[in-house]
Amino acid sequence: MEALYLLVPLSVMLVAFAVWIFFGAADSGQFDDLEGPALRILSDDD
């Protein structure tokens, strides 16, 4: 039971950190163009 007093706040902080990282990546434009790199490898730049 005493382990829950440590593990529950740690897990909440870990989830909050993951959400913060996700929204930071979304705000910086990380997920704007998901198809561009996949199609760029098919084009011939010679």
C-alpha atoms as a PDB file:
ATOM      1  CA  MET A   1       0.000   0.000   0.000  1.00  0.00           C
ATOM      2  CA  GLU A   2       2.864   2.366   0.748  1.00  0.00           C
ATOM      3  CA  ALA A   3       4.214   1.832  -2.767  1.00  0.00           C
ATOM      4  CA  LEU A   4       1.052   3.363  -4.202  1.00  0.00           C
ATOM      5  CA  TYR A   5       1.846   6.655  -2.460  1.00  0.00           C
ATOM      6  CA  LEU A   6       4.994   6.799  -4.572  1.00  0.00           C
ATOM      7  CA  LEU A   7       3.883   5.134  -7.809  1.00  0.00           C
ATOM      8  CA  VAL A   8       0.631   7.031  -8.411  1.00  0.00           C
ATOM      9  CA  PRO A   9       2.205  10.517  -8.323  1.00  0.00           C
ATOM     10  CA  LEU A  10       5.150   9.295 -10.388  1.00  0.00           C
ATOM     11  CA  SER A  11       2.858   7.875 -13.049  1.00  0.00           C
ATOM     12  CA  VAL A  12       0.785  11.057 -13.131  1.00  0.00           C
ATOM     13  CA  MET A  13       3.957  13.120 -13.575  1.00  0.00           C
ATOM     14  CA  LEU A  14       5.169  10.779 -16.326  1.00  0.00           C
ATOM     15  CA  VAL A  15       1.877  11.089 -18.225  1.00  0.00           C
ATOM     16  CA  ALA A  16       1.895  14.870 -17.807  1.00  0.00           C
ATOM     17  CA  PHE A  17       5.463  14.990 -19.158  1.00  0.00           C
ATOM     18  CA  ALA A  18       4.520  12.838 -22.166  1.00  0.00           C
ATOM     19  CA  VAL A  19       1.517  15.066 -22.940  1.00  0.00           C
ATOM     20  CA  TRP A  20       3.730  18.159 -22.616  1.00  0.00           C
ATOM     21  CA  ILE A  21       6.272  16.670 -25.047  1.00  0.00           C
ATOM     22  CA  PHE A  22       3.515  15.718 -27.508  1.00  0.00           C
ATOM     23  CA  PHE A  23       1.916  19.159 -27.543  1.00  0.00           C
ATOM     24  CA  GLY A  24       5.337  20.772 -27.803  1.00  0.00           C
ATOM     25  CA  ALA A  25       6.083  18.713 -30.903  1.00  0.00           C
ATOM     26  CA  ALA A  26       2.658  19.470 -32.356  1.00  0.00           C
ATOM     27  CA  ASP A  27       3.089  23.213 -31.809  1.00  0.00           C
ATOM     28  CA  SER A  28       6.517  23.236 -33.449  1.00  0.00           C
ATOM     29  CA  GLY A  29       5.106  21.673 -36.637  1.00  0.00           C
ATOM     30  CA  GLN A  30       6.520  18.189 -36.207  1.00  0.00           C
ATOM     31  CA  PHE A  31       3.353  16.532 -37.566  1.00  0.00           C
ATOM     32  CA  ASP A  32       2.481  19.000 -40.342  1.00  0.00           C
ATOM     33  CA  ASP A  33       3.647  17.007 -43.373  1.00  0.00           C
ATOM     34  CA  LEU A  34       3.400  13.268 -42.853  1.00  0.00           C
ATOM     35  CA  GLU A  35       3.254  12.280 -46.549  1.00  0.00           C
ATOM     36  CA  GLY A  36       6.052  14.475 -47.929  1.00  0.00           C
ATOM     37  CA  PRO A  37       9.058  12.394 -46.845  1.00  0.00           C
ATOM     38  CA  ALA A  38       7.384   9.191 -48.002  1.00  0.00           C
ATOM     39  CA  LEU A  39       6.735  10.600 -51.475  1.00  0.00           C
ATOM     40  CA  ARG A  40      10.099  12.371 -51.714  1.00  0.00           C
ATOM     41  CA  ILE A  41      11.972   9.059 -51.783  1.00  0.00           C
ATOM     42  CA  LEU A  42      10.005   8.035 -54.904  1.00  0.00           C
ATOM     43  CA  SER A  43      10.954  11.102 -56.939  1.00  0.00           C
ATOM     44  CA  ASP A  44      14.054  10.959 -59.131  1.00  0.00           C
ATOM     45  CA  ASP A  45      16.334  13.977 -58.532  1.00  0.00           C
ATOM     46  CA  ASP A  46      18.925  13.119 -61.188  1.00  0.00           C
END
